[in-house]
Amino acid sequence: MASLLQLIAMPIGNPDDLSLRAIQAFKTADALICEERKIGAAILKRFGLELELYFLNEHTSRQELQELFIRLFVERSGTYALISDAGTPCFADPGADLVALCYQNKIEVKALPGASSLMNAIMLSGKRMERFVYYGFLSANRELRISELKQIKQNLKLDHFILEAPYRLKALATDMLSVFGKQWKIILFYRLSFPDEQVIRCCLAELVELSKKIPKGEFVLLLEA
């Protein structure tokens, strides 16, 4: 029997955003590949499933990835579901390395689309996003982060989407203020799809003040051209 790898988009906040197609894929899978046990176990519990869990995350070495591929796709065959902790798998995500291995070995791969923080932000931006830059995560090191922001400023002909860990909003806002100036316009997409979702349009000076008060939460930041 030929093997199949199914990439399943997970909710970014609201659990009801999981598609019917995704639910069916979980029910017909032979095993689940996830980043963390907590998320994988929650899916199994939600749908009353008993599947083997395998783990693939930023700590997975190249050798461990090869061993996972051999165990699932060489020593046996089956249908395997791959998820990230939230949102679209393989987008700035180690799952992409497993997909590449599957293509190299002629293993079929299918994507089951769903929630994405970037797509949600685009929809809520009120802008016709025909061209933009997805910058992704800046460096966690402050010196490197400021250097990256200066590079962005030199090429800011398009809007830039920036992601960051929930607990670094204040640090990011402060560094952006020092590089771009207090009047530069941004849009903060805060806790998308959660009940307390907010879309906040402000300047960087206002963002710094807001970051001192707003509770820690997932966010996407749009730095306007």
N, C-alpha and C. Protein backbone atom coordinates (compact mmCIF):
# COMPACT_ATOMS: atom_id res chain seq x y z
N MET A 1 0.84 -1.19 0.00
CA MET A 1 0.00 0.00 0.00
C MET A 1 0.88 1.24 0.00
N ALA A 2 0.58 2.21 -0.87
CA ALA A 2 1.35 3.45 -0.93
C ALA A 2 1.07 4.29 0.29
N SER A 3 2.09 5.00 0.74
CA SER A 3 1.94 5.87 1.91
C SER A 3 1.45 7.25 1.49
N LEU A 4 0.91 7.96 2.48
CA LEU A 4 0.40 9.31 2.25
C LEU A 4 0.70 10.16 3.48
N LEU A 5 1.23 11.36 3.24
CA LEU A 5 1.43 12.34 4.31
C LEU A 5 0.42 13.46 4.11
N GLN A 6 -0.41 13.71 5.13
CA GLN A 6 -1.42 14.76 5.06
C GLN A 6 -1.04 15.89 6.01
N LEU A 7 -0.92 17.09 5.47
CA LEU A 7 -0.56 18.28 6.24
C LEU A 7 -1.85 18.99 6.65
N ILE A 8 -2.11 19.06 7.94
CA ILE A 8 -3.41 19.53 8.42
C ILE A 8 -3.26 20.83 9.18
N ALA A 9 -3.92 21.88 8.68
CA ALA A 9 -3.90 23.18 9.37
C ALA A 9 -4.71 23.11 10.66
N MET A 10 -4.13 23.63 11.72
CA MET A 10 -4.78 23.65 13.03
C MET A 10 -5.37 25.02 13.33
N PRO A 11 -6.33 25.11 14.24
CA PRO A 11 -6.83 26.42 14.65
C PRO A 11 -5.72 27.27 15.26
N ILE A 12 -5.82 28.59 15.11
CA ILE A 12 -4.85 29.48 15.75
C ILE A 12 -5.39 30.00 17.08
N GLY A 13 -6.62 29.71 17.38
CA GLY A 13 -7.21 30.15 18.64
C GLY A 13 -8.54 29.46 18.88
N ASN A 14 -9.49 29.72 18.00
CA ASN A 14 -10.82 29.14 18.14
C ASN A 14 -10.81 27.68 17.68
N PRO A 15 -11.09 26.72 18.56
CA PRO A 15 -11.02 25.31 18.18
C PRO A 15 -12.03 24.91 17.10
N ASP A 16 -13.08 25.70 16.94
CA ASP A 16 -14.10 25.39 15.93
C ASP A 16 -13.63 25.71 14.51
N ASP A 17 -12.45 26.28 14.36
CA ASP A 17 -11.92 26.57 13.02
C ASP A 17 -11.33 25.33 12.36
N LEU A 18 -11.25 24.23 13.07
CA LEU A 18 -10.77 22.99 12.47
C LEU A 18 -11.80 22.50 11.45
N SER A 19 -11.35 22.23 10.23
CA SER A 19 -12.28 21.90 9.15
C SER A 19 -12.83 20.48 9.26
N LEU A 20 -13.95 20.25 8.63
CA LEU A 20 -14.54 18.90 8.59
C LEU A 20 -13.59 17.94 7.89
N ARG A 21 -12.92 18.42 6.85
CA ARG A 21 -11.95 17.58 6.14
C ARG A 21 -10.80 17.18 7.05
N ALA A 22 -10.35 18.10 7.89
CA ALA A 22 -9.27 17.80 8.83
C ALA A 22 -9.70 16.75 9.84
N ILE A 23 -10.92 16.89 10.36
CA ILE A 23 -11.43 15.93 11.34
C ILE A 23 -11.49 14.53 10.73
N GLN A 24 -11.95 14.43 9.49
CA GLN A 24 -12.01 13.13 8.82
C GLN A 24 -10.62 12.56 8.62
N ALA A 25 -9.65 13.43 8.31
CA ALA A 25 -8.28 12.96 8.11
C ALA A 25 -7.69 12.40 9.40
N PHE A 26 -7.99 13.03 10.53
CA PHE A 26 -7.52 12.49 11.80
C PHE A 26 -8.10 11.10 12.05
N LYS A 27 -9.37 10.92 11.71
CA LYS A 27 -10.05 9.65 11.99
C LYS A 27 -9.56 8.52 11.11
N THR A 28 -8.98 8.84 9.97
CA THR A 28 -8.51 7.79 9.05
C THR A 28 -6.99 7.64 9.06
N ALA A 29 -6.30 8.41 9.90
CA ALA A 29 -4.84 8.35 9.95
C ALA A 29 -4.37 7.14 10.73
N ASP A 30 -3.17 6.68 10.39
CA ASP A 30 -2.54 5.58 11.12
C ASP A 30 -1.66 6.08 12.25
N ALA A 31 -1.23 7.33 12.17
CA ALA A 31 -0.40 7.93 13.22
C ALA A 31 -0.46 9.44 13.06
N LEU A 32 -0.09 10.14 14.14
CA LEU A 32 -0.10 11.60 14.14
C LEU A 32 1.30 12.12 14.44
N ILE A 33 1.78 13.03 13.59
CA ILE A 33 3.08 13.66 13.78
C ILE A 33 2.82 15.09 14.25
N CYS A 34 3.35 15.45 15.41
CA CYS A 34 3.06 16.75 15.99
C CYS A 34 4.33 17.35 16.59
N GLU A 35 4.23 18.62 16.99
CA GLU A 35 5.38 19.28 17.60
C GLU A 35 5.51 18.93 19.08
N GLU A 36 4.40 18.95 19.80
CA GLU A 36 4.42 18.71 21.23
C GLU A 36 3.35 17.70 21.62
N ARG A 37 3.65 16.90 22.63
CA ARG A 37 2.72 15.86 23.09
C ARG A 37 1.38 16.45 23.53
N LYS A 38 1.40 17.60 24.18
CA LYS A 38 0.17 18.20 24.70
C LYS A 38 -0.85 18.45 23.60
N ILE A 39 -0.39 19.01 22.48
CA ILE A 39 -1.30 19.32 21.37
C ILE A 39 -1.78 18.04 20.71
N GLY A 40 -0.86 17.11 20.45
CA GLY A 40 -1.25 15.84 19.82
C GLY A 40 -2.22 15.05 20.67
N ALA A 41 -1.95 14.98 21.97
CA ALA A 41 -2.81 14.24 22.88
C ALA A 41 -4.20 14.88 22.96
N ALA A 42 -4.26 16.20 22.87
CA ALA A 42 -5.54 16.90 22.93
C ALA A 42 -6.41 16.56 21.71
N ILE A 43 -5.78 16.44 20.55
CA ILE A 43 -6.52 16.07 19.34
C ILE A 43 -7.07 14.64 19.49
N LEU A 44 -6.25 13.73 19.96
CA LEU A 44 -6.69 12.35 20.12
C LEU A 44 -7.86 12.26 21.11
N LYS A 45 -7.75 13.00 22.21
CA LYS A 45 -8.80 12.98 23.22
C LYS A 45 -10.09 13.59 22.67
N ARG A 46 -9.97 14.67 21.91
CA ARG A 46 -11.15 15.36 21.40
C ARG A 46 -11.99 14.45 20.51
N PHE A 47 -11.32 13.63 19.70
CA PHE A 47 -12.05 12.79 18.75
C PHE A 47 -12.05 11.32 19.13
N GLY A 48 -11.63 11.01 20.34
CA GLY A 48 -11.68 9.65 20.84
C GLY A 48 -10.83 8.68 20.03
N LEU A 49 -9.62 9.11 19.66
CA LEU A 49 -8.75 8.31 18.81
C LEU A 49 -7.60 7.69 19.61
N GLU A 50 -7.14 6.57 19.14
CA GLU A 50 -5.96 5.94 19.72
C GLU A 50 -4.93 5.76 18.61
N LEU A 51 -4.06 6.74 18.47
CA LEU A 51 -3.03 6.72 17.43
C LEU A 51 -1.65 6.86 18.06
N GLU A 52 -0.66 6.32 17.39
CA GLU A 52 0.73 6.56 17.80
C GLU A 52 1.05 8.03 17.56
N LEU A 53 1.81 8.62 18.50
CA LEU A 53 2.26 9.99 18.35
C LEU A 53 3.76 10.01 18.03
N TYR A 54 4.13 10.80 17.03
CA TYR A 54 5.53 11.02 16.70
C TYR A 54 5.78 12.52 16.76
N PHE A 55 7.02 12.90 17.06
CA PHE A 55 7.30 14.30 17.31
C PHE A 55 8.34 14.85 16.34
N LEU A 56 8.03 16.03 15.82
CA LEU A 56 8.91 16.74 14.89
C LEU A 56 8.81 18.22 15.23
N ASN A 57 9.90 18.79 15.74
CA ASN A 57 9.89 20.19 16.12
C ASN A 57 11.27 20.81 15.91
N GLU A 58 11.48 22.02 16.42
CA GLU A 58 12.74 22.73 16.16
C GLU A 58 13.94 22.06 16.80
N HIS A 59 13.69 21.12 17.73
CA HIS A 59 14.80 20.42 18.38
C HIS A 59 15.15 19.10 17.67
N THR A 60 14.38 18.72 16.67
CA THR A 60 14.62 17.47 15.96
C THR A 60 15.87 17.60 15.09
N SER A 61 16.83 16.71 15.29
CA SER A 61 18.06 16.74 14.49
C SER A 61 17.82 16.13 13.12
N ARG A 62 18.75 16.34 12.20
CA ARG A 62 18.64 15.75 10.87
C ARG A 62 18.60 14.24 10.95
N GLN A 63 19.41 13.67 11.84
CA GLN A 63 19.43 12.21 12.00
C GLN A 63 18.09 11.71 12.53
N GLU A 64 17.52 12.40 13.49
CA GLU A 64 16.22 12.00 14.05
C GLU A 64 15.12 12.09 12.99
N LEU A 65 15.22 13.10 12.13
CA LEU A 65 14.26 13.23 11.04
C LEU A 65 14.36 12.05 10.09
N GLN A 66 15.58 11.68 9.75
CA GLN A 66 15.79 10.54 8.87
C GLN A 66 15.24 9.26 9.49
N GLU A 67 15.47 9.09 10.79
CA GLU A 67 14.98 7.89 11.48
C GLU A 67 13.45 7.86 11.50
N LEU A 68 12.83 9.03 11.68
CA LEU A 68 11.37 9.10 11.65
C LEU A 68 10.85 8.72 10.27
N PHE A 69 11.48 9.24 9.24
CA PHE A 69 11.05 8.94 7.87
C PHE A 69 11.18 7.44 7.59
N ILE A 70 12.29 6.85 7.96
CA ILE A 70 12.51 5.42 7.71
C ILE A 70 11.47 4.58 8.44
N ARG A 71 11.21 4.95 9.70
CA ARG A 71 10.26 4.17 10.51
C ARG A 71 8.86 4.18 9.93
N LEU A 72 8.44 5.36 9.43
CA LEU A 72 7.06 5.50 8.95
C LEU A 72 6.89 5.17 7.48
N PHE A 73 7.86 5.51 6.65
CA PHE A 73 7.66 5.42 5.21
C PHE A 73 8.50 4.35 4.52
N VAL A 74 9.49 3.79 5.20
CA VAL A 74 10.33 2.76 4.60
C VAL A 74 10.03 1.39 5.21
N GLU A 75 10.05 1.33 6.54
CA GLU A 75 9.83 0.05 7.22
C GLU A 75 8.37 -0.37 7.19
N ARG A 76 7.48 0.57 6.92
CA ARG A 76 6.06 0.25 6.82
C ARG A 76 5.41 1.31 5.93
N SER A 77 4.12 1.21 5.73
CA SER A 77 3.39 2.21 4.95
C SER A 77 2.10 2.55 5.67
N GLY A 78 1.54 3.69 5.32
CA GLY A 78 0.31 4.10 5.97
C GLY A 78 -0.03 5.53 5.62
N THR A 79 -1.08 6.04 6.26
CA THR A 79 -1.50 7.42 6.10
C THR A 79 -1.18 8.17 7.39
N TYR A 80 -0.40 9.22 7.26
CA TYR A 80 0.08 9.93 8.44
C TYR A 80 -0.37 11.39 8.40
N ALA A 81 -0.84 11.89 9.53
CA ALA A 81 -1.25 13.28 9.65
C ALA A 81 -0.15 14.07 10.33
N LEU A 82 0.17 15.23 9.79
CA LEU A 82 1.19 16.10 10.37
C LEU A 82 0.55 17.44 10.72
N ILE A 83 0.76 17.91 11.94
CA ILE A 83 0.21 19.19 12.39
C ILE A 83 1.31 20.02 13.03
N SER A 84 1.08 21.32 13.11
CA SER A 84 1.90 22.20 13.94
C SER A 84 1.09 22.51 15.20
N ASP A 85 1.69 23.22 16.13
CA ASP A 85 0.96 23.55 17.35
C ASP A 85 -0.26 24.42 17.06
N ALA A 86 -0.13 25.31 16.07
CA ALA A 86 -1.23 26.20 15.70
C ALA A 86 -1.02 26.68 14.27
N GLY A 87 -2.11 26.82 13.54
CA GLY A 87 -2.02 27.35 12.19
C GLY A 87 -1.53 26.34 11.16
N THR A 88 -0.93 26.87 10.12
CA THR A 88 -0.57 26.07 8.95
C THR A 88 0.78 25.38 9.13
N PRO A 89 0.82 24.05 9.05
CA PRO A 89 2.11 23.35 9.19
C PRO A 89 3.01 23.62 7.99
N CYS A 90 4.30 23.52 8.23
CA CYS A 90 5.35 23.66 7.20
C CYS A 90 5.56 25.11 6.76
N PHE A 91 4.88 26.06 7.37
CA PHE A 91 5.10 27.47 7.10
C PHE A 91 5.97 28.01 8.23
N ALA A 92 7.27 28.27 7.94
CA ALA A 92 8.24 28.60 8.98
C ALA A 92 8.21 27.52 10.05
N ASP A 93 8.27 26.27 9.62
CA ASP A 93 7.96 25.14 10.50
C ASP A 93 8.80 23.94 10.06
N PRO A 94 9.34 23.15 11.02
CA PRO A 94 10.22 22.02 10.67
C PRO A 94 9.53 20.91 9.88
N GLY A 95 8.21 20.93 9.83
CA GLY A 95 7.50 19.93 9.03
C GLY A 95 7.89 19.98 7.56
N ALA A 96 8.36 21.14 7.10
CA ALA A 96 8.76 21.29 5.70
C ALA A 96 9.89 20.32 5.34
N ASP A 97 10.75 20.00 6.30
CA ASP A 97 11.87 19.08 6.03
C ASP A 97 11.36 17.67 5.76
N LEU A 98 10.31 17.26 6.47
CA LEU A 98 9.73 15.95 6.22
C LEU A 98 9.04 15.91 4.86
N VAL A 99 8.38 17.00 4.49
CA VAL A 99 7.74 17.08 3.17
C VAL A 99 8.79 16.93 2.07
N ALA A 100 9.93 17.60 2.23
CA ALA A 100 11.00 17.51 1.24
C ALA A 100 11.50 16.07 1.11
N LEU A 101 11.63 15.37 2.22
CA LEU A 101 12.05 13.96 2.18
C LEU A 101 11.03 13.10 1.44
N CYS A 102 9.76 13.38 1.66
CA CYS A 102 8.71 12.63 0.98
C CYS A 102 8.79 12.83 -0.54
N TYR A 103 8.98 14.07 -0.96
CA TYR A 103 9.08 14.33 -2.40
C TYR A 103 10.29 13.62 -3.00
N GLN A 104 11.40 13.64 -2.27
CA GLN A 104 12.62 12.99 -2.76
C GLN A 104 12.43 11.49 -2.94
N ASN A 105 11.51 10.92 -2.15
CA ASN A 105 11.29 9.48 -2.19
C ASN A 105 9.93 9.10 -2.79
N LYS A 106 9.35 10.05 -3.53
CA LYS A 106 8.10 9.82 -4.27
C LYS A 106 6.95 9.37 -3.37
N ILE A 107 6.89 9.95 -2.18
CA ILE A 107 5.77 9.73 -1.26
C ILE A 107 4.73 10.82 -1.50
N GLU A 108 3.47 10.45 -1.62
CA GLU A 108 2.42 11.43 -1.89
C GLU A 108 2.19 12.33 -0.68
N VAL A 109 2.02 13.62 -0.95
CA VAL A 109 1.76 14.61 0.09
C VAL A 109 0.52 15.41 -0.29
N LYS A 110 -0.39 15.59 0.66
CA LYS A 110 -1.58 16.42 0.44
C LYS A 110 -1.68 17.46 1.55
N ALA A 111 -2.14 18.67 1.19
CA ALA A 111 -2.31 19.74 2.16
C ALA A 111 -3.80 20.00 2.39
N LEU A 112 -4.20 20.04 3.65
CA LEU A 112 -5.57 20.35 4.03
C LEU A 112 -5.57 21.75 4.62
N PRO A 113 -5.96 22.76 3.84
CA PRO A 113 -5.82 24.15 4.28
C PRO A 113 -6.76 24.50 5.42
N GLY A 114 -6.42 25.59 6.09
CA GLY A 114 -7.24 26.03 7.21
C GLY A 114 -6.72 27.34 7.76
N ALA A 115 -6.75 27.48 9.07
CA ALA A 115 -6.41 28.74 9.72
C ALA A 115 -4.95 29.13 9.52
N SER A 116 -4.72 30.43 9.36
CA SER A 116 -3.38 30.99 9.23
C SER A 116 -3.41 32.39 9.81
N SER A 117 -2.50 32.68 10.73
CA SER A 117 -2.48 34.01 11.33
C SER A 117 -2.16 35.07 10.28
N LEU A 118 -1.30 34.74 9.32
CA LEU A 118 -0.96 35.71 8.27
C LEU A 118 -2.17 36.02 7.40
N MET A 119 -2.91 34.99 6.97
CA MET A 119 -4.08 35.22 6.14
C MET A 119 -5.17 35.97 6.91
N ASN A 120 -5.33 35.65 8.20
CA ASN A 120 -6.30 36.38 9.02
C ASN A 120 -5.94 37.86 9.09
N ALA A 121 -4.64 38.13 9.29
CA ALA A 121 -4.20 39.52 9.38
C ALA A 121 -4.43 40.27 8.08
N ILE A 122 -4.17 39.62 6.96
CA ILE A 122 -4.40 40.24 5.66
C ILE A 122 -5.88 40.58 5.49
N MET A 123 -6.75 39.65 5.85
CA MET A 123 -8.19 39.89 5.71
C MET A 123 -8.65 41.08 6.56
N LEU A 124 -8.04 41.24 7.74
CA LEU A 124 -8.48 42.27 8.68
C LEU A 124 -7.75 43.59 8.49
N SER A 125 -6.79 43.65 7.58
CA SER A 125 -5.95 44.84 7.44
C SER A 125 -6.68 46.02 6.81
N GLY A 126 -7.71 45.73 6.00
CA GLY A 126 -8.37 46.80 5.28
C GLY A 126 -7.54 47.32 4.12
N LYS A 127 -6.55 46.52 3.70
CA LYS A 127 -5.68 46.94 2.61
C LYS A 127 -5.71 45.88 1.52
N ARG A 128 -5.59 46.31 0.27
CA ARG A 128 -5.52 45.36 -0.84
C ARG A 128 -4.09 44.87 -0.95
N MET A 129 -3.83 43.73 -0.37
CA MET A 129 -2.48 43.19 -0.27
C MET A 129 -2.08 42.45 -1.54
N GLU A 130 -1.77 43.19 -2.58
CA GLU A 130 -1.33 42.56 -3.81
C GLU A 130 0.16 42.23 -3.75
N ARG A 131 0.92 43.04 -3.01
CA ARG A 131 2.35 42.78 -2.79
C ARG A 131 2.68 43.18 -1.36
N PHE A 132 3.41 42.30 -0.69
CA PHE A 132 3.85 42.59 0.67
C PHE A 132 5.04 41.70 0.98
N VAL A 133 5.70 41.98 2.10
CA VAL A 133 6.84 41.17 2.54
C VAL A 133 6.45 40.44 3.82
N TYR A 134 6.59 39.12 3.80
CA TYR A 134 6.44 38.36 5.04
C TYR A 134 7.85 38.20 5.60
N TYR A 135 8.17 38.96 6.65
CA TYR A 135 9.52 38.89 7.22
C TYR A 135 9.63 37.74 8.22
N GLY A 136 8.54 37.43 8.89
CA GLY A 136 8.58 36.35 9.88
C GLY A 136 9.17 36.83 11.19
N PHE A 137 9.89 35.95 11.86
CA PHE A 137 10.42 36.24 13.19
C PHE A 137 11.76 36.98 13.10
N LEU A 138 11.88 38.03 13.88
CA LEU A 138 13.15 38.71 14.05
C LEU A 138 14.01 37.94 15.05
N SER A 139 15.27 38.29 15.12
CA SER A 139 16.18 37.63 16.06
C SER A 139 15.76 37.91 17.51
N ALA A 140 15.97 36.92 18.37
CA ALA A 140 15.70 37.11 19.80
C ALA A 140 16.79 37.95 20.45
N ASN A 141 17.95 38.03 19.82
CA ASN A 141 19.05 38.85 20.32
C ASN A 141 18.80 40.32 19.97
N ARG A 142 18.84 41.21 20.96
CA ARG A 142 18.46 42.61 20.73
C ARG A 142 19.35 43.29 19.72
N GLU A 143 20.64 43.08 19.81
CA GLU A 143 21.56 43.73 18.87
C GLU A 143 21.29 43.29 17.44
N LEU A 144 21.07 41.99 17.25
CA LEU A 144 20.77 41.48 15.91
C LEU A 144 19.39 41.95 15.45
N ARG A 145 18.44 42.03 16.38
CA ARG A 145 17.09 42.46 16.03
C ARG A 145 17.10 43.91 15.53
N ILE A 146 17.83 44.77 16.20
CA ILE A 146 17.92 46.16 15.77
C ILE A 146 18.60 46.25 14.40
N SER A 147 19.62 45.43 14.18
CA SER A 147 20.27 45.40 12.87
C SER A 147 19.30 44.97 11.78
N GLU A 148 18.46 43.98 12.07
CA GLU A 148 17.46 43.52 11.10
C GLU A 148 16.43 44.61 10.82
N LEU A 149 16.01 45.31 11.86
CA LEU A 149 15.05 46.39 11.68
C LEU A 149 15.62 47.51 10.82
N LYS A 150 16.89 47.81 10.98
CA LYS A 150 17.54 48.83 10.16
C LYS A 150 17.59 48.41 8.70
N GLN A 151 17.81 47.12 8.46
CA GLN A 151 17.79 46.60 7.09
C GLN A 151 16.40 46.73 6.48
N ILE A 152 15.38 46.44 7.28
CA ILE A 152 14.00 46.58 6.80
C ILE A 152 13.72 48.04 6.44
N LYS A 153 14.16 48.96 7.26
CA LYS A 153 13.91 50.38 7.02
C LYS A 153 14.50 50.85 5.69
N GLN A 154 15.63 50.28 5.33
CA GLN A 154 16.28 50.67 4.08
C GLN A 154 15.52 50.18 2.85
N ASN A 155 14.66 49.20 3.03
CA ASN A 155 13.95 48.60 1.90
C ASN A 155 12.44 48.57 2.12
N LEU A 156 11.94 49.59 2.77
CA LEU A 156 10.54 49.57 3.18
C LEU A 156 9.65 50.20 2.11
N LYS A 157 9.67 49.60 0.91
CA LYS A 157 8.79 50.05 -0.16
C LYS A 157 7.45 49.30 -0.13
N LEU A 158 7.43 48.18 0.61
CA LEU A 158 6.23 47.38 0.76
C LEU A 158 5.91 47.21 2.24
N ASP A 159 4.66 46.90 2.54
CA ASP A 159 4.28 46.56 3.91
C ASP A 159 5.01 45.29 4.34
N HIS A 160 5.41 45.24 5.62
CA HIS A 160 6.11 44.08 6.17
C HIS A 160 5.30 43.46 7.30
N PHE A 161 5.07 42.15 7.22
CA PHE A 161 4.47 41.41 8.32
C PHE A 161 5.58 40.82 9.19
N ILE A 162 5.50 41.06 10.48
CA ILE A 162 6.51 40.59 11.43
C ILE A 162 5.82 39.77 12.52
N LEU A 163 6.41 38.63 12.86
CA LEU A 163 5.91 37.80 13.95
C LEU A 163 6.89 37.86 15.11
N GLU A 164 6.39 37.58 16.29
CA GLU A 164 7.25 37.54 17.47
C GLU A 164 6.56 36.75 18.56
N ALA A 165 7.35 36.26 19.50
CA ALA A 165 6.79 35.53 20.64
C ALA A 165 5.91 36.45 21.47
N PRO A 166 4.83 35.92 22.06
CA PRO A 166 3.88 36.75 22.81
C PRO A 166 4.52 37.62 23.89
N TYR A 167 5.58 37.11 24.52
CA TYR A 167 6.19 37.84 25.64
C TYR A 167 7.21 38.88 25.20
N ARG A 168 7.41 39.07 23.87
CA ARG A 168 8.40 40.04 23.42
C ARG A 168 7.79 41.25 22.72
N LEU A 169 6.50 41.48 22.90
CA LEU A 169 5.89 42.64 22.25
C LEU A 169 6.51 43.95 22.72
N LYS A 170 6.69 44.09 24.02
CA LYS A 170 7.26 45.34 24.55
C LYS A 170 8.66 45.58 24.02
N ALA A 171 9.49 44.54 24.03
CA ALA A 171 10.87 44.68 23.54
C ALA A 171 10.89 45.02 22.06
N LEU A 172 10.04 44.37 21.29
CA LEU A 172 9.98 44.64 19.85
C LEU A 172 9.50 46.07 19.59
N ALA A 173 8.45 46.48 20.27
CA ALA A 173 7.91 47.84 20.08
C ALA A 173 8.95 48.89 20.42
N THR A 174 9.69 48.68 21.50
CA THR A 174 10.72 49.63 21.93
C THR A 174 11.83 49.73 20.89
N ASP A 175 12.26 48.59 20.37
CA ASP A 175 13.33 48.60 19.36
C ASP A 175 12.85 49.22 18.05
N MET A 176 11.62 48.96 17.66
CA MET A 176 11.07 49.55 16.44
C MET A 176 10.96 51.07 16.58
N LEU A 177 10.58 51.53 17.76
CA LEU A 177 10.49 52.96 18.01
C LEU A 177 11.86 53.63 17.82
N SER A 178 12.90 52.98 18.32
CA SER A 178 14.24 53.56 18.22
C SER A 178 14.75 53.59 16.78
N VAL A 179 14.27 52.66 15.94
CA VAL A 179 14.74 52.58 14.56
C VAL A 179 13.89 53.42 13.61
N PHE A 180 12.58 53.37 13.77
CA PHE A 180 11.68 53.99 12.80
C PHE A 180 11.13 55.35 13.24
N GLY A 181 11.14 55.62 14.53
CA GLY A 181 10.59 56.88 15.01
C GLY A 181 9.17 56.73 15.51
N LYS A 182 8.75 57.64 16.37
CA LYS A 182 7.50 57.46 17.11
C LYS A 182 6.24 57.58 16.26
N GLN A 183 6.31 58.23 15.09
CA GLN A 183 5.11 58.46 14.30
C GLN A 183 4.85 57.39 13.24
N TRP A 184 5.76 56.42 13.11
CA TRP A 184 5.58 55.40 12.07
C TRP A 184 4.33 54.56 12.36
N LYS A 185 3.54 54.31 11.33
CA LYS A 185 2.26 53.63 11.49
C LYS A 185 2.40 52.11 11.46
N ILE A 186 1.66 51.46 12.32
CA ILE A 186 1.63 49.99 12.37
C ILE A 186 0.20 49.53 12.61
N ILE A 187 -0.02 48.23 12.36
CA ILE A 187 -1.28 47.59 12.76
C ILE A 187 -0.91 46.37 13.59
N LEU A 188 -1.48 46.28 14.77
CA LEU A 188 -1.27 45.14 15.65
C LEU A 188 -2.49 44.23 15.59
N PHE A 189 -2.28 42.99 15.18
CA PHE A 189 -3.34 41.98 15.16
C PHE A 189 -3.12 41.09 16.38
N TYR A 190 -3.96 41.27 17.36
CA TYR A 190 -3.75 40.67 18.69
C TYR A 190 -4.72 39.53 18.94
N ARG A 191 -4.19 38.37 19.25
CA ARG A 191 -4.97 37.17 19.61
C ARG A 191 -6.06 36.88 18.58
N LEU A 192 -5.64 36.73 17.35
CA LEU A 192 -6.56 36.48 16.25
C LEU A 192 -7.40 35.23 16.49
N SER A 193 -8.69 35.34 16.27
CA SER A 193 -9.71 34.29 16.38
C SER A 193 -10.11 33.96 17.82
N PHE A 194 -9.42 34.54 18.81
CA PHE A 194 -9.83 34.39 20.20
C PHE A 194 -10.99 35.35 20.50
N PRO A 195 -11.73 35.13 21.58
CA PRO A 195 -12.83 36.05 21.92
C PRO A 195 -12.37 37.49 22.14
N ASP A 196 -11.13 37.67 22.62
CA ASP A 196 -10.62 39.03 22.88
C ASP A 196 -9.76 39.56 21.74
N GLU A 197 -9.99 39.04 20.53
CA GLU A 197 -9.26 39.51 19.35
C GLU A 197 -9.37 41.03 19.21
N GLN A 198 -8.25 41.66 18.83
CA GLN A 198 -8.24 43.10 18.58
C GLN A 198 -7.39 43.41 17.35
N VAL A 199 -7.82 44.40 16.57
CA VAL A 199 -7.03 44.96 15.49
C VAL A 199 -6.79 46.42 15.84
N ILE A 200 -5.55 46.76 16.13
CA ILE A 200 -5.22 48.08 16.67
C ILE A 200 -4.33 48.82 15.68
N ARG A 201 -4.83 49.94 15.19
CA ARG A 201 -4.05 50.80 14.29
C ARG A 201 -3.50 51.96 15.10
N CYS A 202 -2.19 52.14 15.09
CA CYS A 202 -1.59 53.18 15.90
C CYS A 202 -0.19 53.51 15.39
N CYS A 203 0.45 54.47 16.01
CA CYS A 203 1.85 54.76 15.70
C CYS A 203 2.73 54.01 16.70
N LEU A 204 4.03 54.01 16.44
CA LEU A 204 4.93 53.22 17.29
C LEU A 204 4.99 53.75 18.72
N ALA A 205 4.89 55.05 18.90
CA ALA A 205 4.88 55.60 20.26
C ALA A 205 3.69 55.06 21.04
N GLU A 206 2.54 54.96 20.39
CA GLU A 206 1.34 54.43 21.05
C GLU A 206 1.48 52.93 21.31
N LEU A 207 2.15 52.22 20.38
CA LEU A 207 2.35 50.79 20.57
C LEU A 207 3.22 50.50 21.79
N VAL A 208 4.24 51.31 22.00
CA VAL A 208 5.11 51.11 23.17
C VAL A 208 4.30 51.25 24.45
N GLU A 209 3.46 52.26 24.53
CA GLU A 209 2.63 52.45 25.73
C GLU A 209 1.63 51.31 25.88
N LEU A 210 1.04 50.88 24.77
CA LEU A 210 0.08 49.77 24.82
C LEU A 210 0.75 48.49 25.28
N SER A 211 1.97 48.26 24.85
CA SER A 211 2.68 47.02 25.19
C SER A 211 2.96 46.89 26.68
N LYS A 212 2.92 48.01 27.40
CA LYS A 212 3.15 47.99 28.85
C LYS A 212 1.91 47.52 29.61
N LYS A 213 0.74 47.57 28.93
CA LYS A 213 -0.53 47.29 29.62
C LYS A 213 -1.25 46.06 29.11
N ILE A 214 -1.08 45.74 27.84
CA ILE A 214 -1.86 44.67 27.25
C ILE A 214 -1.36 43.30 27.75
N PRO A 215 -2.26 42.37 28.08
CA PRO A 215 -1.83 41.05 28.54
C PRO A 215 -1.04 40.30 27.46
N LYS A 216 -0.16 39.44 27.91
CA LYS A 216 0.63 38.64 26.97
C LYS A 216 -0.29 37.82 26.08
N GLY A 217 -0.04 37.84 24.77
CA GLY A 217 -0.87 37.08 23.84
C GLY A 217 -0.23 37.03 22.46
N GLU A 218 -0.64 36.05 21.67
CA GLU A 218 -0.11 35.91 20.31
C GLU A 218 -0.47 37.13 19.48
N PHE A 219 0.43 37.51 18.57
CA PHE A 219 0.14 38.68 17.74
C PHE A 219 0.90 38.62 16.42
N VAL A 220 0.38 39.38 15.46
CA VAL A 220 1.07 39.64 14.20
C VAL A 220 1.16 41.15 14.07
N LEU A 221 2.27 41.64 13.57
CA LEU A 221 2.48 43.08 13.45
C LEU A 221 2.67 43.43 11.97
N LEU A 222 1.95 44.45 11.51
CA LEU A 222 2.10 44.95 10.15
C LEU A 222 2.77 46.31 10.21
N LEU A 223 3.99 46.38 9.68
CA LEU A 223 4.73 47.63 9.58
C LEU A 223 4.44 48.22 8.22
N GLU A 224 3.78 49.38 8.21
CA GLU A 224 3.32 49.92 6.94
C GLU A 224 4.45 50.58 6.15
N ALA A 225 4.36 50.48 4.83
CA ALA A 225 5.40 51.04 3.96
C ALA A 225 5.44 52.55 4.10
